[in-house]
PDB file of N, CA and C in Angstrom:
ATOM      1  N   UNK A   1      39.094 117.159 151.354  1.00  0.00           N
ATOM      2  CA  UNK A   1      38.584 116.617 150.166  1.00  0.00           C
ATOM      3  C   UNK A   1      37.836 117.739 149.418  1.00  0.00           C
ATOM      4  N   UNK A   2      38.058 117.908 148.126  1.00  0.00           N
ATOM      5  CA  UNK A   2      37.342 118.893 147.369  1.00  0.00           C
ATOM      6  C   UNK A   2      36.082 118.333 146.701  1.00  0.00           C
ATOM      7  N   UNK A   3      35.253 119.122 146.142  1.00  0.00           N
ATOM      8  CA  UNK A   3      34.031 118.603 145.569  1.00  0.00           C
ATOM      9  C   UNK A   3      34.173 117.718 144.354  1.00  0.00           C
ATOM     10  N   UNK A   4      35.431 117.869 143.737  1.00  0.00           N
ATOM     11  CA  UNK A   4      35.678 117.007 142.605  1.00  0.00           C
ATOM     12  C   UNK A   4      35.948 115.598 142.952  1.00  0.00           C
ATOM     13  N   UNK A   5      36.330 115.313 144.175  1.00  0.00           N
ATOM     14  CA  UNK A   5      36.609 113.959 144.581  1.00  0.00           C
ATOM     15  C   UNK A   5      35.366 113.210 144.977  1.00  0.00           C
ATOM     16  N   UNK A   6      34.887 112.398 144.094  1.00  0.00           N
ATOM     17  CA  UNK A   6      33.675 111.596 144.334  1.00  0.00           C
ATOM     18  C   UNK A   6      33.956 110.174 144.499  1.00  0.00           C
ATOM     19  N   UNK A   7      32.983 109.433 145.119  1.00  0.00           N
ATOM     20  CA  UNK A   7      33.240 108.083 145.347  1.00  0.00           C
ATOM     21  C   UNK A   7      33.198 107.383 143.948  1.00  0.00           C
ATOM     22  N   UNK A   8      33.891 106.300 143.829  1.00  0.00           N
ATOM     23  CA  UNK A   8      33.804 105.536 142.562  1.00  0.00           C
ATOM     24  C   UNK A   8      32.373 104.969 142.350  1.00  0.00           C
ATOM     25  N   UNK A   9      31.852 105.143 141.197  1.00  0.00           N
ATOM     26  CA  UNK A   9      30.487 104.593 140.862  1.00  0.00           C
ATOM     27  C   UNK A   9      30.606 103.101 140.645  1.00  0.00           C
ATOM     28  N   UNK A  10      29.695 102.416 141.296  1.00  0.00           N
ATOM     29  CA  UNK A  10      29.707 100.972 141.204  1.00  0.00           C
ATOM     30  C   UNK A  10      28.240 100.454 140.994  1.00  0.00           C
ATOM     31  N   UNK A  11      28.076  99.422 140.280  1.00  0.00           N
ATOM     32  CA  UNK A  11      26.741  98.751 140.239  1.00  0.00           C
ATOM     33  C   UNK A  11      26.773  97.699 141.185  1.00  0.00           C
ATOM     34  N   UNK A  12      25.889  97.772 142.268  1.00  0.00           N
ATOM     35  CA  UNK A  12      25.831  96.839 143.276  1.00  0.00           C
ATOM     36  C   UNK A  12      24.476  96.029 143.335  1.00  0.00           C
ATOM     37  N   UNK A  13      24.512  94.739 143.072  1.00  0.00           N
ATOM     38  CA  UNK A  13      23.303  93.997 143.175  1.00  0.00           C
ATOM     39  C   UNK A  13      22.639  94.047 144.486  1.00  0.00           C
ATOM     40  N   UNK A  14      21.340  93.776 144.545  1.00  0.00           N
ATOM     41  CA  UNK A  14      20.521  93.894 145.755  1.00  0.00           C
ATOM     42  C   UNK A  14      20.951  92.937 146.878  1.00  0.00           C
ATOM     43  N   UNK A  15      21.601  91.865 146.601  1.00  0.00           N
ATOM     44  CA  UNK A  15      22.041  90.954 147.627  1.00  0.00           C
ATOM     45  C   UNK A  15      23.430  91.186 148.278  1.00  0.00           C
ATOM     46  N   UNK A  16      23.949  92.442 148.100  1.00  0.00           N
ATOM     47  CA  UNK A  16      25.169  92.860 148.664  1.00  0.00           C
ATOM     48  C   UNK A  16      24.959  94.187 149.453  1.00  0.00           C
ATOM     49  N   UNK A  17      25.833  94.363 150.485  1.00  0.00           N
ATOM     50  CA  UNK A  17      25.714  95.663 151.236  1.00  0.00           C
ATOM     51  C   UNK A  17      27.139  96.249 151.291  1.00  0.00           C
ATOM     52  N   UNK A  18      27.218  97.506 151.075  1.00  0.00           N
ATOM     53  CA  UNK A  18      28.543  98.265 151.195  1.00  0.00           C
ATOM     54  C   UNK A  18      28.511  98.638 152.789  1.00  0.00           C
ATOM     55  N   UNK A  19      29.482  98.131 153.480  1.00  0.00           N
ATOM     56  CA  UNK A  19      29.544  98.366 154.871  1.00  0.00           C
ATOM     57  C   UNK A  19      30.694  99.457 155.224  1.00  0.00           C
ATOM     58  N   UNK A  20      31.481  99.710 154.260  1.00  0.00           N
ATOM     59  CA  UNK A  20      32.476 100.746 154.418  1.00  0.00           C
ATOM     60  C   UNK A  20      32.936 101.217 153.016  1.00  0.00           C
ATOM     61  N   UNK A  21      33.028 102.586 152.755  1.00  0.00           N
ATOM     62  CA  UNK A  21      33.430 102.997 151.461  1.00  0.00           C
ATOM     63  C   UNK A  21      34.159 104.314 151.510  1.00  0.00           C
ATOM     64  N   UNK A  22      35.405 104.256 151.184  1.00  0.00           N
ATOM     65  CA  UNK A  22      36.274 105.461 150.942  1.00  0.00           C
ATOM     66  C   UNK A  22      37.070 105.266 149.580  1.00  0.00           C
ATOM     67  N   UNK A  23      36.462 104.583 148.697  1.00  0.00           N
ATOM     68  CA  UNK A  23      37.041 104.285 147.348  1.00  0.00           C
ATOM     69  C   UNK A  23      36.656 105.400 146.427  1.00  0.00           C
ATOM     70  N   UNK A  24      37.495 106.362 146.242  1.00  0.00           N
ATOM     71  CA  UNK A  24      37.203 107.571 145.442  1.00  0.00           C
ATOM     72  C   UNK A  24      37.715 107.465 144.057  1.00  0.00           C
ATOM     73  N   UNK A  25      37.053 108.156 143.183  1.00  0.00           N
ATOM     74  CA  UNK A  25      37.460 108.207 141.758  1.00  0.00           C
ATOM     75  C   UNK A  25      38.384 109.458 141.523  1.00  0.00           C
ATOM     76  N   UNK A  26      39.640 109.283 142.046  1.00  0.00           N
ATOM     77  CA  UNK A  26      40.564 110.329 142.040  1.00  0.00           C
ATOM     78  C   UNK A  26      41.902 109.789 141.510  1.00  0.00           C
ATOM     79  N   UNK A  27      42.685 110.664 140.847  1.00  0.00           N
ATOM     80  CA  UNK A  27      44.042 110.279 140.462  1.00  0.00           C
ATOM     81  C   UNK A  27      44.968 110.594 141.604  1.00  0.00           C
ATOM     82  N   UNK A  28      45.987 109.825 141.742  1.00  0.00           N
ATOM     83  CA  UNK A  28      46.959 110.172 142.824  1.00  0.00           C
ATOM     84  C   UNK A  28      47.739 111.382 142.386  1.00  0.00           C
ATOM     85  N   UNK A  29      48.172 112.166 143.456  1.00  0.00           N
ATOM     86  CA  UNK A  29      48.919 113.376 143.210  1.00  0.00           C
ATOM     87  C   UNK A  29      50.268 113.259 143.929  1.00  0.00           C
ATOM     88  N   UNK A  30      51.280 113.079 143.206  1.00  0.00           N
ATOM     89  CA  UNK A  30      52.610 112.898 143.797  1.00  0.00           C
ATOM     90  C   UNK A  30      53.113 114.071 144.449  1.00  0.00           C
ATOM     91  N   UNK A  31      53.630 113.911 145.721  1.00  0.00           N
ATOM     92  CA  UNK A  31      54.227 114.977 146.523  1.00  0.00           C
ATOM     93  C   UNK A  31      55.520 115.227 146.016  1.00  0.00           C
ATOM     94  N   UNK A  32      55.639 116.296 145.175  1.00  0.00           N
ATOM     95  CA  UNK A  32      56.916 116.626 144.492  1.00  0.00           C
ATOM     96  C   UNK A  32      57.771 117.486 145.403  1.00  0.00           C
ATOM     97  N   UNK A  33      57.237 117.915 146.500  1.00  0.00           N
ATOM     98  CA  UNK A  33      58.053 118.820 147.392  1.00  0.00           C
ATOM     99  C   UNK A  33      59.096 117.987 148.159  1.00  0.00           C
ATOM    100  N   UNK A  34      58.924 116.661 148.199  1.00  0.00           N
ATOM    101  CA  UNK A  34      59.875 115.780 148.885  1.00  0.00           C
ATOM    102  C   UNK A  34      60.206 114.608 148.008  1.00  0.00           C
ATOM    103  N   UNK A  35      61.166 113.922 148.215  1.00  0.00           N
ATOM    104  CA  UNK A  35      61.541 112.674 147.438  1.00  0.00           C
ATOM    105  C   UNK A  35      61.047 111.449 148.174  1.00  0.00           C
ATOM    106  N   UNK A  36      60.010 111.571 148.870  1.00  0.00           N
ATOM    107  CA  UNK A  36      59.508 110.465 149.676  1.00  0.00           C
ATOM    108  C   UNK A  36      58.745 109.461 148.946  1.00  0.00           C
ATOM    109  N   UNK A  37      58.295 109.770 147.641  1.00  0.00           N
ATOM    110  CA  UNK A  37      57.524 108.822 146.902  1.00  0.00           C
ATOM    111  C   UNK A  37      56.089 108.693 147.443  1.00  0.00           C
ATOM    112  N   UNK A  38      55.610 109.733 148.130  1.00  0.00           N
ATOM    113  CA  UNK A  38      54.244 109.678 148.704  1.00  0.00           C
ATOM    114  C   UNK A  38      53.296 110.498 147.884  1.00  0.00           C
ATOM    115  N   UNK A  39      52.019 110.291 148.106  1.00  0.00           N
ATOM    116  CA  UNK A  39      51.004 111.075 147.457  1.00  0.00           C
ATOM    117  C   UNK A  39      50.537 112.251 148.352  1.00  0.00           C
ATOM    118  N   UNK A  40      50.272 113.373 147.766  1.00  0.00           N
ATOM    119  CA  UNK A  40      49.678 114.521 148.548  1.00  0.00           C
ATOM    120  C   UNK A  40      48.317 114.131 149.034  1.00  0.00           C
ATOM    121  N   UNK A  41      47.591 113.408 148.187  1.00  0.00           N
ATOM    122  CA  UNK A  41      46.190 113.006 148.616  1.00  0.00           C
ATOM    123  C   UNK A  41      46.197 111.566 149.102  1.00  0.00           C
ATOM    124  N   UNK A  42      47.119 111.262 150.006  1.00  0.00           N
ATOM    125  CA  UNK A  42      47.447 109.944 150.438  1.00  0.00           C
ATOM    126  C   UNK A  42      46.141 109.281 151.149  1.00  0.00           C
ATOM    127  N   UNK A  43      45.308 110.156 151.662  1.00  0.00           N
ATOM    128  CA  UNK A  43      44.111 109.684 152.364  1.00  0.00           C
ATOM    129  C   UNK A  43      43.115 108.942 151.425  1.00  0.00           C
ATOM    130  N   UNK A  44      43.344 109.003 150.092  1.00  0.00           N
ATOM    131  CA  UNK A  44      42.592 108.261 149.124  1.00  0.00           C
ATOM    132  C   UNK A  44      43.256 106.880 148.800  1.00  0.00           C
ATOM    133  N   UNK A  45      44.374 106.699 149.397  1.00  0.00           N
ATOM    134  CA  UNK A  45      45.159 105.515 149.042  1.00  0.00           C
ATOM    135  C   UNK A  45      45.669 104.808 150.340  1.00  0.00           C
ATOM    136  N   UNK A  46      44.751 104.343 151.167  1.00  0.00           N
ATOM    137  CA  UNK A  46      44.990 103.777 152.410  1.00  0.00           C
ATOM    138  C   UNK A  46      44.599 102.292 152.433  1.00  0.00           C
ATOM    139  N   UNK A  47      44.950 101.502 153.511  1.00  0.00           N
ATOM    140  CA  UNK A  47      44.754 100.131 153.554  1.00  0.00           C
ATOM    141  C   UNK A  47      43.287  99.753 153.730  1.00  0.00           C
ATOM    142  N   UNK A  48      42.520 100.745 154.199  1.00  0.00           N
ATOM    143  CA  UNK A  48      41.033 100.499 154.402  1.00  0.00           C
ATOM    144  C   UNK A  48      40.275 101.430 153.516  1.00  0.00           C
ATOM    145  N   UNK A  49      39.870 100.889 152.336  1.00  0.00           N
ATOM    146  CA  UNK A  49      39.136 101.739 151.364  1.00  0.00           C
ATOM    147  C   UNK A  49      37.723 101.285 151.188  1.00  0.00           C
ATOM    148  N   UNK A  50      37.455  99.986 151.147  1.00  0.00           N
ATOM    149  CA  UNK A  50      36.092  99.502 150.940  1.00  0.00           C
ATOM    150  C   UNK A  50      35.877  98.112 151.488  1.00  0.00           C
ATOM    151  N   UNK A  51      34.686  97.835 151.984  1.00  0.00           N
ATOM    152  CA  UNK A  51      34.187  96.457 152.277  1.00  0.00           C
ATOM    153  C   UNK A  51      32.796  96.358 151.872  1.00  0.00           C
ATOM    154  N   UNK A  52      32.521  95.256 151.139  1.00  0.00           N
ATOM    155  CA  UNK A  52      31.209  94.900 150.715  1.00  0.00           C
ATOM    156  C   UNK A  52      30.996  93.465 151.089  1.00  0.00           C
ATOM    157  N   UNK A  53      29.795  93.229 151.728  1.00  0.00           N
ATOM    158  CA  UNK A  53      29.462  91.890 152.297  1.00  0.00           C
ATOM    159  C   UNK A  53      28.227  91.365 151.677  1.00  0.00           C
ATOM    160  N   UNK A  54      28.207  90.007 151.473  1.00  0.00           N
ATOM    161  CA  UNK A  54      27.052  89.348 150.965  1.00  0.00           C
ATOM    162  C   UNK A  54      25.999  89.308 152.063  1.00  0.00           C
ATOM    163  N   UNK A  55      24.755  89.669 151.634  1.00  0.00           N
ATOM    164  CA  UNK A  55      23.684  89.576 152.622  1.00  0.00           C
ATOM    165  C   UNK A  55      23.122  88.162 152.747  1.00  0.00           C
ATOM    166  N   UNK A  56      22.556  87.859 153.889  1.00  0.00           N
ATOM    167  CA  UNK A  56      21.931  86.625 154.084  1.00  0.00           C
ATOM    168  C   UNK A  56      20.501  86.874 154.671  1.00  0.00           C
ATOM    169  N   UNK A  57      19.769  85.765 154.771  1.00  0.00           N
ATOM    170  CA  UNK A  57      18.378  85.983 155.141  1.00  0.00           C
ATOM    171  C   UNK A  57      18.188  85.442 156.567  1.00  0.00           C
ATOM    172  N   UNK A  58      17.417  86.128 157.354  1.00  0.00           N
ATOM    173  CA  UNK A  58      16.962  85.674 158.644  1.00  0.00           C
ATOM    174  C   UNK A  58      15.407  85.768 158.502  1.00  0.00           C
ATOM    175  N   UNK A  59      14.753  84.634 158.213  1.00  0.00           N
ATOM    176  CA  UNK A  59      13.322  84.638 157.870  1.00  0.00           C
ATOM    177  C   UNK A  59      13.230  85.305 156.513  1.00  0.00           C
ATOM    178  N   UNK A  60      12.451  86.359 156.431  1.00  0.00           N
ATOM    179  CA  UNK A  60      12.263  87.086 155.192  1.00  0.00           C
ATOM    180  C   UNK A  60      13.089  88.393 155.134  1.00  0.00           C
ATOM    181  N   UNK A  61      13.928  88.599 156.126  1.00  0.00           N
ATOM    182  CA  UNK A  61      14.752  89.810 156.243  1.00  0.00           C
ATOM    183  C   UNK A  61      16.195  89.616 155.761  1.00  0.00           C
ATOM    184  N   UNK A  62      16.640  90.579 154.947  1.00  0.00           N
ATOM    185  CA  UNK A  62      18.036  90.555 154.489  1.00  0.00           C
ATOM    186  C   UNK A  62      18.839  91.158 155.667  1.00  0.00           C
ATOM    187  N   UNK A  63      19.997  90.515 156.047  1.00  0.00           N
ATOM    188  CA  UNK A  63      20.795  91.010 157.116  1.00  0.00           C
ATOM    189  C   UNK A  63      22.252  90.961 156.687  1.00  0.00           C
ATOM    190  N   UNK A  64      23.096  91.730 157.269  1.00  0.00           N
ATOM    191  CA  UNK A  64      24.557  91.682 157.147  1.00  0.00           C
ATOM    192  C   UNK A  64      25.014  90.645 158.205  1.00  0.00           C
ATOM    193  N   UNK A  65      25.453  89.445 157.796  1.00  0.00           N
ATOM    194  CA  UNK A  65      25.781  88.392 158.728  1.00  0.00           C
ATOM    195  C   UNK A  65      27.286  88.421 159.051  1.00  0.00           C
ATOM    196  N   UNK A  66      27.611  87.989 160.188  1.00  0.00           N
ATOM    197  CA  UNK A  66      28.971  87.819 160.554  1.00  0.00           C
ATOM    198  C   UNK A  66      29.500  86.624 159.753  1.00  0.00           C
ATOM    199  N   UNK A  67      30.769  86.710 159.362  1.00  0.00           N
ATOM    200  CA  UNK A  67      31.438  85.658 158.653  1.00  0.00           C
ATOM    201  C   UNK A  67      30.744  85.238 157.426  1.00  0.00           C
ATOM    202  N   UNK A  68      30.418  86.217 156.557  1.00  0.00           N
ATOM    203  CA  UNK A  68      29.838  85.917 155.273  1.00  0.00           C
ATOM    204  C   UNK A  68      30.753  86.383 154.178  1.00  0.00           C
ATOM    205  N   UNK A  69      30.549  85.969 153.020  1.00  0.00           N
ATOM    206  CA  UNK A  69      31.497  86.356 151.842  1.00  0.00           C
ATOM    207  C   UNK A  69      31.708  87.844 151.881  1.00  0.00           C
ATOM    208  N   UNK A  70      32.989  88.284 151.714  1.00  0.00           N
ATOM    209  CA  UNK A  70      33.380  89.621 151.901  1.00  0.00           C
ATOM    210  C   UNK A  70      34.253  90.045 150.709  1.00  0.00           C
ATOM    211  N   UNK A  71      34.049  91.245 150.266  1.00  0.00           N
ATOM    212  CA  UNK A  71      35.057  91.896 149.271  1.00  0.00           C
ATOM    213  C   UNK A  71      35.736  92.996 150.035  1.00  0.00           C
ATOM    214  N   UNK A  72      37.031  93.012 150.036  1.00  0.00           N
ATOM    215  CA  UNK A  72      37.710  94.009 150.750  1.00  0.00           C
ATOM    216  C   UNK A  72      38.749  94.691 149.873  1.00  0.00           C
ATOM    217  N   UNK A  73      38.862  96.011 149.990  1.00  0.00           N
ATOM    218  CA  UNK A  73      39.779  96.740 149.117  1.00  0.00           C
ATOM    219  C   UNK A  73      40.709  97.647 149.982  1.00  0.00           C
ATOM    220  N   UNK A  74      41.984  97.637 149.629  1.00  0.00           N
ATOM    221  CA  UNK A  74      42.940  98.501 150.279  1.00  0.00           C
ATOM    222  C   UNK A  74      44.019  98.896 149.332  1.00  0.00           C
ATOM    223  N   UNK A  75      44.900  99.849 149.706  1.00  0.00           N
ATOM    224  CA  UNK A  75      46.009 100.259 148.879  1.00  0.00           C
ATOM    225  C   UNK A  75      47.266 100.049 149.721  1.00  0.00           C
ATOM    226  N   UNK A  76      48.237  99.299 149.089  1.00  0.00           N
ATOM    227  CA  UNK A  76      49.397  98.875 149.848  1.00  0.00           C
ATOM    228  C   UNK A  76      50.715  99.112 149.034  1.00  0.00           C
ATOM    229  N   UNK A  77      51.801  99.664 149.574  1.00  0.00           N
ATOM    230  CA  UNK A  77      51.786 100.337 150.913  1.00  0.00           C
ATOM    231  C   UNK A  77      50.966 101.659 150.794  1.00  0.00           C
ATOM    232  N   UNK A  78      50.263 101.971 151.810  1.00  0.00           N
ATOM    233  CA  UNK A  78      49.353 103.067 151.779  1.00  0.00           C
ATOM    234  C   UNK A  78      50.049 104.424 151.533  1.00  0.00           C
ATOM    235  N   UNK A  79      49.455 105.272 150.596  1.00  0.00           N
ATOM    236  CA  UNK A  79      49.985 106.564 150.316  1.00  0.00           C
ATOM    237  C   UNK A  79      51.190 106.588 149.574  1.00  0.00           C
ATOM    238  N   UNK A  80      51.756 105.510 149.048  1.00  0.00           N
ATOM    239  CA  UNK A  80      53.062 105.462 148.355  1.00  0.00           C
ATOM    240  C   UNK A  80      52.837 105.278 146.879  1.00  0.00           C
ATOM    241  N   UNK A  81      53.718 105.938 146.126  1.00  0.00           N
ATOM    242  CA  UNK A  81      53.618 105.916 144.702  1.00  0.00           C
ATOM    243  C   UNK A  81      53.863 104.389 144.140  1.00  0.00           C
ATOM    244  N   UNK A  82      54.637 103.669 144.871  1.00  0.00           N
ATOM    245  CA  UNK A  82      54.885 102.212 144.436  1.00  0.00           C
ATOM    246  C   UNK A  82      53.704 101.286 144.803  1.00  0.00           C
ATOM    247  N   UNK A  83      52.720 101.844 145.525  1.00  0.00           N
ATOM    248  CA  UNK A  83      51.582 101.120 145.971  1.00  0.00           C
ATOM    249  C   UNK A  83      50.653 100.606 144.838  1.00  0.00           C
ATOM    250  N   UNK A  84      49.781  99.653 145.226  1.00  0.00           N
ATOM    251  CA  UNK A  84      48.785  99.212 144.339  1.00  0.00           C
ATOM    252  C   UNK A  84      47.540  98.877 145.106  1.00  0.00           C
ATOM    253  N   UNK A  85      46.379  98.964 144.416  1.00  0.00           N
ATOM    254  CA  UNK A  85      45.114  98.445 145.046  1.00  0.00           C
ATOM    255  C   UNK A  85      45.217  96.968 145.187  1.00  0.00           C
ATOM    256  N   UNK A  86      44.797  96.488 146.259  1.00  0.00           N
ATOM    257  CA  UNK A  86      44.700  95.075 146.525  1.00  0.00           C
ATOM    258  C   UNK A  86      43.175  94.755 146.843  1.00  0.00           C
ATOM    259  N   UNK A  87      42.535  94.008 146.018  1.00  0.00           N
ATOM    260  CA  UNK A  87      41.204  93.522 146.194  1.00  0.00           C
ATOM    261  C   UNK A  87      41.145  92.141 146.592  1.00  0.00           C
ATOM    262  N   UNK A  88      40.466  91.793 147.698  1.00  0.00           N
ATOM    263  CA  UNK A  88      40.320  90.456 148.228  1.00  0.00           C
ATOM    264  C   UNK A  88      38.945  89.954 148.261  1.00  0.00           C
ATOM    265  N   UNK A  89      38.727  88.667 147.831  1.00  0.00           N
ATOM    266  CA  UNK A  89      37.475  88.061 147.943  1.00  0.00           C
ATOM    267  C   UNK A  89      37.685  86.989 149.076  1.00  0.00           C
ATOM    268  N   UNK A  90      36.958  87.200 150.220  1.00  0.00           N
ATOM    269  CA  UNK A  90      37.277  86.406 151.364  1.00  0.00           C
ATOM    270  C   UNK A  90      36.101  85.604 151.739  1.00  0.00           C
ATOM    271  N   UNK A  91      36.310  84.275 151.832  1.00  0.00           N
ATOM    272  CA  UNK A  91      35.256  83.330 152.144  1.00  0.00           C
ATOM    273  C   UNK A  91      35.211  83.086 153.662  1.00  0.00           C
ATOM    274  N   UNK A  92      34.092  82.745 154.211  1.00  0.00           N
ATOM    275  CA  UNK A  92      33.959  82.354 155.580  1.00  0.00           C
ATOM    276  C   UNK A  92      34.536  81.008 155.828  1.00  0.00           C
ATOM    277  N   UNK A  93      35.115  80.727 157.020  1.00  0.00           N
ATOM    278  CA  UNK A  93      35.668  79.416 157.326  1.00  0.00           C
ATOM    279  C   UNK A  93      35.473  79.245 158.855  1.00  0.00           C
ATOM    280  N   UNK A  94      34.617  78.215 159.160  1.00  0.00           N
ATOM    281  CA  UNK A  94      34.224  77.909 160.544  1.00  0.00           C
ATOM    282  C   UNK A  94      33.695  79.215 161.105  1.00  0.00           C
ATOM    283  N   UNK A  95      34.258  79.678 162.196  1.00  0.00           N
ATOM    284  CA  UNK A  95      33.682  80.915 162.852  1.00  0.00           C
ATOM    285  C   UNK A  95      34.436  82.204 162.585  1.00  0.00           C
ATOM    286  N   UNK A  96      35.144  82.179 161.434  1.00  0.00           N
ATOM    287  CA  UNK A  96      35.926  83.341 161.183  1.00  0.00           C
ATOM    288  C   UNK A  96      36.033  83.545 159.597  1.00  0.00           C
ATOM    289  N   UNK A  97      36.915  84.411 159.135  1.00  0.00           N
ATOM    290  CA  UNK A  97      37.073  84.628 157.733  1.00  0.00           C
ATOM    291  C   UNK A  97      38.388  84.091 157.305  1.00  0.00           C
ATOM    292  N   UNK A  98      38.472  83.459 156.147  1.00  0.00           N
ATOM    293  CA  UNK A  98      39.629  82.777 155.613  1.00  0.00           C
ATOM    294  C   UNK A  98      40.537  83.720 154.773  1.00  0.00           C
ATOM    295  N   UNK A  99      41.159  84.685 155.460  1.00  0.00           N
ATOM    296  CA  UNK A  99      41.996  85.665 154.841  1.00  0.00           C
ATOM    297  C   UNK A  99      43.197  84.932 154.123  1.00  0.00           C
ATOM    298  N   UNK A 100      43.671  83.920 154.669  1.00  0.00           N
ATOM    299  CA  UNK A 100      44.899  83.239 154.143  1.00  0.00           C
ATOM    300  C   UNK A 100      44.628  82.752 152.686  1.00  0.00           C
ATOM    301  N   UNK A 101      43.381  82.243 152.430  1.00  0.00           N
ATOM    302  CA  UNK A 101      43.131  81.637 151.064  1.00  0.00           C
ATOM    303  C   UNK A 101      42.204  82.640 150.265  1.00  0.00           C
ATOM    304  N   UNK A 102      42.227  83.855 150.569  1.00  0.00           N
ATOM    305  CA  UNK A 102      41.446  84.800 149.812  1.00  0.00           C
ATOM    306  C   UNK A 102      41.861  84.913 148.345  1.00  0.00           C
ATOM    307  N   UNK A 103      40.882  85.074 147.494  1.00  0.00           N
ATOM    308  CA  UNK A 103      41.242  85.364 146.093  1.00  0.00           C
ATOM    309  C   UNK A 103      41.667  86.809 146.011  1.00  0.00           C
ATOM    310  N   UNK A 104      42.765  87.048 145.296  1.00  0.00           N
ATOM    311  CA  UNK A 104      43.285  88.559 145.245  1.00  0.00           C
ATOM    312  C   UNK A 104      43.254  88.967 143.770  1.00  0.00           C
ATOM    313  N   UNK A 105      43.098  90.258 143.666  1.00  0.00           N
ATOM    314  CA  UNK A 105      43.311  90.974 142.317  1.00  0.00           C
ATOM    315  C   UNK A 105      44.038  92.223 142.673  1.00  0.00           C
ATOM    316  N   UNK A 106      45.123  92.462 142.050  1.00  0.00           N
ATOM    317  CA  UNK A 106      45.998  93.595 142.304  1.00  0.00           C
ATOM    318  C   UNK A 106      46.182  94.437 141.045  1.00  0.00           C
ATOM    319  N   UNK A 107      46.046  95.732 141.197  1.00  0.00           N
ATOM    320  CA  UNK A 107      46.187  96.684 140.066  1.00  0.00           C
ATOM    321  C   UNK A 107      46.417  98.064 140.608  1.00  0.00           C
ATOM    322  N   UNK A 108      47.132  98.917 139.770  1.00  0.00           N
ATOM    323  CA  UNK A 108      47.300 100.278 140.056  1.00  0.00           C
ATOM    324  C   UNK A 108      46.166 101.024 139.462  1.00  0.00           C
ATOM    325  N   UNK A 109      45.355 100.426 138.596  1.00  0.00           N
ATOM    326  CA  UNK A 109      44.310 101.104 137.882  1.00  0.00           C
ATOM    327  C   UNK A 109      42.970 100.937 138.591  1.00  0.00           C
ATOM    328  N   UNK A 110      42.436 102.095 139.062  1.00  0.00           N
ATOM    329  CA  UNK A 110      41.209 102.067 139.858  1.00  0.00           C
ATOM    330  C   UNK A 110      39.983 101.588 139.054  1.00  0.00           C
ATOM    331  N   UNK A 111      40.063 101.743 137.762  1.00  0.00           N
ATOM    332  CA  UNK A 111      38.937 101.233 136.865  1.00  0.00           C
ATOM    333  C   UNK A 111      39.013  99.744 136.701  1.00  0.00           C
ATOM    334  N   UNK A 112      40.149  99.246 136.629  1.00  0.00           N
ATOM    335  CA  UNK A 112      40.262  97.740 136.602  1.00  0.00           C
ATOM    336  C   UNK A 112      39.734  97.140 137.973  1.00  0.00           C
ATOM    337  N   UNK A 113      40.064  97.857 138.994  1.00  0.00           N
ATOM    338  CA  UNK A 113      39.564  97.422 140.334  1.00  0.00           C
ATOM    339  C   UNK A 113      37.998  97.451 140.324  1.00  0.00           C
ATOM    340  N   UNK A 114      37.420  98.591 139.892  1.00  0.00           N
ATOM    341  CA  UNK A 114      35.997  98.732 139.778  1.00  0.00           C
ATOM    342  C   UNK A 114      35.369  97.582 138.986  1.00  0.00           C
ATOM    343  N   UNK A 115      35.947  97.298 137.838  1.00  0.00           N
ATOM    344  CA  UNK A 115      35.384  96.204 136.923  1.00  0.00           C
ATOM    345  C   UNK A 115      35.472  94.871 137.667  1.00  0.00           C
ATOM    346  N   UNK A 116      36.566  94.615 138.355  1.00  0.00           N
ATOM    347  CA  UNK A 116      36.708  93.300 139.107  1.00  0.00           C
ATOM    348  C   UNK A 116      35.692  93.210 140.175  1.00  0.00           C
ATOM    349  N   UNK A 117      35.460  94.353 140.903  1.00  0.00           N
ATOM    350  CA  UNK A 117      34.439  94.321 141.969  1.00  0.00           C
ATOM    351  C   UNK A 117      33.068  93.990 141.420  1.00  0.00           C
ATOM    352  N   UNK A 118      32.742  94.644 140.345  1.00  0.00           N
ATOM    353  CA  UNK A 118      31.445  94.389 139.713  1.00  0.00           C
ATOM    354  C   UNK A 118      31.329  92.939 139.182  1.00  0.00           C
ATOM    355  N   UNK A 119      32.381  92.454 138.633  1.00  0.00           N
ATOM    356  CA  UNK A 119      32.401  91.040 138.183  1.00  0.00           C
ATOM    357  C   UNK A 119      32.173  90.020 139.343  1.00  0.00           C
ATOM    358  N   UNK A 120      32.856  90.269 140.487  1.00  0.00           N
ATOM    359  CA  UNK A 120      32.685  89.380 141.666  1.00  0.00           C
ATOM    360  C   UNK A 120      31.223  89.569 142.192  1.00  0.00           C
ATOM    361  N   UNK A 121      30.767  90.784 142.232  1.00  0.00           N
ATOM    362  CA  UNK A 121      29.386  90.967 142.729  1.00  0.00           C
ATOM    363  C   UNK A 121      28.365  90.236 141.899  1.00  0.00           C
ATOM    364  N   UNK A 122      28.526  90.146 140.602  1.00  0.00           N
ATOM    365  CA  UNK A 122      27.635  89.492 139.766  1.00  0.00           C
ATOM    366  C   UNK A 122      27.821  87.958 139.811  1.00  0.00           C
ATOM    367  N   UNK A 123      29.064  87.514 139.976  1.00  0.00           N
ATOM    368  CA  UNK A 123      29.331  86.095 139.959  1.00  0.00           C
ATOM    369  C   UNK A 123      28.829  85.434 141.247  1.00  0.00           C
ATOM    370  N   UNK A 124      28.997  86.086 142.375  1.00  0.00           N
ATOM    371  CA  UNK A 124      28.711  85.464 143.611  1.00  0.00           C
ATOM    372  C   UNK A 124      27.457  85.984 144.260  1.00  0.00           C
TER     373      UNK A 124
END
């Protein structure tokens, strides 16, 4: 990673915690040396880019709780030019997370993804 590759800037309200972040503000670079349709900088376009979780309270302490509202970001198929960012809003269900009924937002545009993340953070 060079110094030009910075994490995407996000406005995160106080009641959320970023628990994993590899969402960089970088353009994909097509690997023109092969016809594989992959990116040279594939490591910025993987299935595991970001997770943000809603904080809860234990007494007067904010904590990252198990099975709490989650925003998850990945790029599918990872490292491929035909791929897209997939943003998921996942609600807790019983003792697990309800991935099956997660709200999805899909885009190739990282700035649209950033805007949707910020919208969800404010709404929930």
